[in-house]
N, C-alpha and C. Protein backbone atom coordinates (compact mmCIF):
# COMPACT_ATOMS: atom_id res chain seq x y z
N MET A 1 87.65 129.17 99.76
CA MET A 1 88.35 127.86 100.13
C MET A 1 88.13 126.79 98.60
N MET A 2 89.16 126.15 98.46
CA MET A 2 89.25 125.15 97.32
C MET A 2 88.76 124.14 97.77
N LYS A 3 88.07 123.42 96.61
CA LYS A 3 87.07 121.97 96.87
C LYS A 3 88.15 121.28 95.70
N TYR A 4 87.90 119.97 95.81
CA TYR A 4 88.43 118.90 95.13
C TYR A 4 88.18 117.92 95.22
N ILE A 5 88.22 117.06 94.13
CA ILE A 5 87.07 115.67 93.88
C ILE A 5 88.13 114.75 92.53
N GLN A 6 88.29 113.83 92.48
CA GLN A 6 88.72 113.03 91.61
C GLN A 6 88.11 113.40 90.46
N LYS A 7 89.38 113.76 89.81
CA LYS A 7 88.65 113.74 88.40
C LYS A 7 88.50 112.88 87.57
N GLY A 8 88.64 111.72 87.36
CA GLY A 8 87.79 110.59 86.47
C GLY A 8 87.92 109.38 87.39
N LYS A 9 87.88 108.39 86.63
CA LYS A 9 87.25 107.14 87.23
C LYS A 9 88.47 106.24 86.97
N TYR A 10 89.28 106.19 88.10
CA TYR A 10 90.73 105.70 88.16
C TYR A 10 90.39 104.15 88.78
N GLU A 11 91.17 103.40 88.50
CA GLU A 11 91.48 101.78 89.30
C GLU A 11 92.38 102.46 90.38
N ALA A 12 92.17 101.61 91.35
CA ALA A 12 92.29 101.98 92.95
C ALA A 12 92.23 100.70 93.49
N THR A 13 93.41 100.08 94.41
CA THR A 13 93.47 98.92 94.47
C THR A 13 94.53 98.92 95.93
N GLU A 14 93.98 98.45 96.93
CA GLU A 14 94.63 98.45 98.32
C GLU A 14 95.40 97.32 98.53
N LEU A 15 96.75 97.14 98.36
CA LEU A 15 97.36 95.76 99.01
C LEU A 15 98.42 96.65 100.18
N ASP A 16 98.03 95.58 101.50
CA ASP A 16 98.68 95.24 102.61
C ASP A 16 99.13 97.44 103.20
N GLY A 17 98.05 97.83 103.09
CA GLY A 17 98.00 99.78 103.75
C GLY A 17 98.52 100.43 102.76
N GLU A 18 98.99 99.81 101.63
CA GLU A 18 99.18 100.94 100.22
C GLU A 18 98.36 100.54 99.23
N TRP A 19 97.90 101.90 98.43
CA TRP A 19 96.90 102.05 97.47
C TRP A 19 97.88 102.36 95.99
N ILE A 20 97.56 101.98 94.94
CA ILE A 20 98.15 101.77 93.64
C ILE A 20 96.59 102.72 93.05
N ILE A 21 97.38 103.69 92.24
CA ILE A 21 96.26 104.31 91.23
C ILE A 21 96.82 104.36 90.30
N LEU A 22 96.03 103.62 89.50
CA LEU A 22 95.92 103.49 87.82
C LEU A 22 95.22 104.57 87.20
N ASN A 23 95.94 105.10 86.24
CA ASN A 23 95.65 105.91 85.45
C ASN A 23 95.54 105.41 83.85
N THR A 24 94.63 104.62 83.64
CA THR A 24 94.81 104.00 82.23
C THR A 24 95.00 105.38 81.07
N GLU A 25 94.65 106.24 80.99
CA GLU A 25 93.94 107.19 80.06
C GLU A 25 95.65 107.82 80.06
N ASP A 26 96.55 107.95 80.91
CA ASP A 26 97.77 108.66 80.91
C ASP A 26 98.64 107.78 80.76
N TYR A 27 98.24 106.37 81.17
CA TYR A 27 99.45 105.12 81.50
C TYR A 27 100.56 105.87 82.47
N THR A 28 99.66 105.77 83.86
CA THR A 28 100.26 106.26 85.28
C THR A 28 100.34 105.32 86.39
N VAL A 29 100.83 105.13 87.03
CA VAL A 29 100.79 104.52 88.31
C VAL A 29 101.53 105.35 89.62
N THR A 30 100.13 105.79 90.32
CA THR A 30 100.51 106.62 92.23
C THR A 30 100.45 105.44 92.59
N LYS A 31 101.28 105.76 93.69
CA LYS A 31 101.39 105.11 95.13
C LYS A 31 101.23 105.63 96.33
N LEU A 32 100.28 105.29 96.95
CA LEU A 32 100.06 105.74 98.29
C LEU A 32 100.44 105.33 99.45
N ASN A 33 100.25 105.95 100.86
CA ASN A 33 100.19 105.25 101.99
C ASN A 33 98.66 105.04 102.56
N GLU A 34 98.76 104.60 103.49
CA GLU A 34 97.54 104.21 103.87
C GLU A 34 96.58 105.89 104.51
N VAL A 35 97.30 106.58 104.47
CA VAL A 35 96.69 107.73 105.33
C VAL A 35 96.09 108.34 103.76
N GLY A 36 96.97 108.28 102.73
CA GLY A 36 96.93 108.81 101.65
C GLY A 36 95.60 107.94 100.41
N GLY A 37 95.76 107.02 101.01
CA GLY A 37 94.67 106.09 100.49
C GLY A 37 93.39 106.54 100.87
N ILE A 38 93.33 106.91 102.23
CA ILE A 38 92.10 107.26 103.12
C ILE A 38 91.51 108.22 102.57
N CYS A 39 92.79 109.38 102.36
CA CYS A 39 92.11 110.67 101.68
C CYS A 39 91.45 110.79 99.87
N TRP A 40 92.05 109.67 99.25
CA TRP A 40 91.58 109.37 98.25
C TRP A 40 90.37 108.73 97.78
N SER A 41 89.64 107.63 98.74
CA SER A 41 88.65 107.70 99.12
C SER A 41 87.44 108.27 99.40
N LEU A 42 88.01 109.38 100.38
CA LEU A 42 87.04 110.52 100.48
C LEU A 42 87.06 111.59 99.31
N LEU A 43 87.71 111.26 98.45
CA LEU A 43 88.02 112.76 97.23
C LEU A 43 86.48 111.79 96.07
N GLY A 44 86.25 110.55 96.58
CA GLY A 44 85.04 110.33 95.55
C GLY A 44 84.33 111.48 95.82
N GLU A 45 84.14 112.19 96.55
CA GLU A 45 83.24 113.22 96.87
C GLU A 45 84.00 114.80 97.11
N VAL A 46 82.64 115.85 96.77
CA VAL A 46 83.62 117.11 96.89
C VAL A 46 84.24 117.02 98.40
N GLN A 47 85.93 117.63 98.42
CA GLN A 47 86.20 117.76 99.56
C GLN A 47 86.91 119.24 99.51
N THR A 48 87.14 120.01 101.27
CA THR A 48 87.75 120.45 101.36
C THR A 48 89.06 120.45 101.92
N SER A 49 90.15 121.10 102.01
CA SER A 49 91.31 120.81 103.28
C SER A 49 90.86 120.68 104.22
N GLU A 50 89.71 121.37 104.67
CA GLU A 50 89.39 121.54 106.10
C GLU A 50 88.60 120.02 106.73
N THR A 51 87.74 119.91 105.58
CA THR A 51 86.78 118.61 105.78
C THR A 51 87.69 117.59 105.89
N LEU A 52 88.85 117.66 105.05
CA LEU A 52 90.05 116.22 104.99
C LEU A 52 90.75 115.88 106.16
N THR A 53 91.18 117.38 106.53
CA THR A 53 91.57 117.58 107.83
C THR A 53 90.90 116.82 109.24
N HIS A 54 89.94 117.58 108.85
CA HIS A 54 88.80 117.01 110.28
C HIS A 54 88.81 115.19 109.86
N SER A 55 88.30 114.59 109.20
CA SER A 55 88.45 113.67 108.85
C SER A 55 89.65 112.63 109.01
N LEU A 56 90.85 113.19 109.42
CA LEU A 56 91.87 112.15 109.67
C LEU A 56 92.19 112.27 111.24
N MET A 57 91.84 113.72 111.58
CA MET A 57 91.68 113.64 113.01
C MET A 57 90.89 112.89 113.93
N GLU A 58 89.86 112.55 113.23
CA GLU A 58 88.58 112.05 113.98
C GLU A 58 89.35 110.41 114.16
N LYS A 59 90.02 110.18 112.40
CA LYS A 59 90.19 108.61 112.58
C LYS A 59 91.60 108.44 113.51
N PHE A 60 92.56 109.12 113.49
CA PHE A 60 93.95 108.64 113.48
C PHE A 60 94.12 109.33 115.23
N SER A 61 94.35 110.59 115.27
CA SER A 61 94.72 111.17 116.68
C SER A 61 93.96 112.67 116.76
N PRO A 62 93.11 112.85 117.50
CA PRO A 62 92.45 114.31 117.74
C PRO A 62 94.14 115.01 118.40
N ALA A 63 94.56 114.48 118.75
CA ALA A 63 95.29 115.61 119.70
C ALA A 63 96.71 115.73 118.60
N GLU A 64 96.70 115.37 117.73
CA GLU A 64 97.63 115.50 116.45
C GLU A 64 97.64 117.42 115.87
N ASN A 65 99.08 117.71 116.04
CA ASN A 65 98.48 119.32 115.67
C ASN A 65 97.94 119.01 114.55
N GLU A 66 96.73 120.00 114.59
CA GLU A 66 96.14 120.20 113.16
C GLU A 66 96.30 121.09 112.37
N GLU A 67 97.24 122.28 112.29
CA GLU A 67 97.82 122.79 111.18
C GLU A 67 98.93 122.20 110.61
N GLN A 68 99.61 121.32 111.19
CA GLN A 68 100.59 120.33 110.69
C GLN A 68 99.83 119.36 109.49
N ILE A 69 98.85 118.92 109.88
CA ILE A 69 98.01 118.12 109.28
C ILE A 69 97.43 118.64 107.98
N LYS A 70 97.16 119.97 108.27
CA LYS A 70 96.32 120.54 106.90
C LYS A 70 97.64 121.21 106.19
N LYS A 71 99.02 121.67 106.49
CA LYS A 71 100.03 121.98 105.63
C LYS A 71 100.31 120.78 104.58
N ASP A 72 100.27 119.32 105.34
CA ASP A 72 100.94 118.19 105.09
C ASP A 72 99.92 117.98 103.96
N LEU A 73 98.66 118.05 103.75
CA LEU A 73 97.67 117.46 103.30
C LEU A 73 97.32 118.42 101.90
N GLU A 74 97.44 120.12 102.32
CA GLU A 74 97.52 120.77 101.38
C GLU A 74 98.37 120.60 100.17
N GLU A 75 100.25 119.75 101.10
CA GLU A 75 101.08 119.42 99.71
C GLU A 75 100.54 118.18 99.27
N PHE A 76 99.55 116.93 99.82
CA PHE A 76 99.40 115.74 99.11
C PHE A 76 98.30 116.45 98.36
N LEU A 77 97.75 117.51 98.41
CA LEU A 77 96.51 117.43 97.51
C LEU A 77 97.56 118.23 96.07
N SER A 78 98.25 119.29 96.31
CA SER A 78 98.83 119.97 95.34
C SER A 78 99.71 118.74 94.52
N SER A 79 100.45 117.60 94.98
CA SER A 79 100.84 116.99 94.59
C SER A 79 99.79 115.83 93.47
N LEU A 80 98.70 115.33 94.11
CA LEU A 80 97.70 114.66 93.61
C LEU A 80 96.93 115.59 91.75
N HIS A 81 96.78 117.11 92.43
CA HIS A 81 96.68 118.14 91.36
C HIS A 81 97.58 117.87 90.03
N GLN A 82 98.52 117.60 90.90
CA GLN A 82 100.06 117.69 89.39
C GLN A 82 100.00 116.57 88.74
N CYS A 83 99.81 115.79 89.82
CA CYS A 83 99.62 113.89 88.78
C CYS A 83 98.11 114.02 87.55
N GLY A 84 97.39 115.04 87.82
CA GLY A 84 96.30 115.03 87.30
C GLY A 84 95.19 114.01 87.82
N LEU A 85 95.25 113.38 89.11
CA LEU A 85 94.18 112.78 89.16
C LEU A 85 92.93 113.33 90.44
N ILE A 86 93.53 114.50 90.69
CA ILE A 86 92.17 115.31 91.41
C ILE A 86 91.74 116.73 90.50
N GLU A 87 90.80 117.59 90.26
CA GLU A 87 90.66 118.80 90.04
C GLU A 87 89.85 119.71 91.09
N ASN A 88 89.63 120.81 90.52
CA ASN A 88 89.12 121.51 91.99
C ASN A 88 87.56 121.70 91.04
N VAL A 89 86.66 122.06 92.19
CA VAL A 89 85.51 122.34 91.62
C VAL A 89 84.72 124.00 92.25
N ASN A 90 83.93 124.09 91.57
CA ASN A 90 83.33 125.92 92.36
C ASN A 90 82.46 125.29 93.35
């Protein structure tokens, strides 16, 4: 099972439900929606896609399709990894 955590100490700001992540080392700005921001906050500590899925289901709606949430979350984590914002941990 893959585990993830924020790769470095980035500046993160929430404005009207959207999050802005500033990577001052690579001079990049990443914009996240509310759900992405919640995931980003949780990734301050080691997480798996399962723990993130569980947290999102608790916060929003346990009636949502867990498999779809997990699939969307894995795509999101892949994007964050490609941007260099998170890393895999053992």
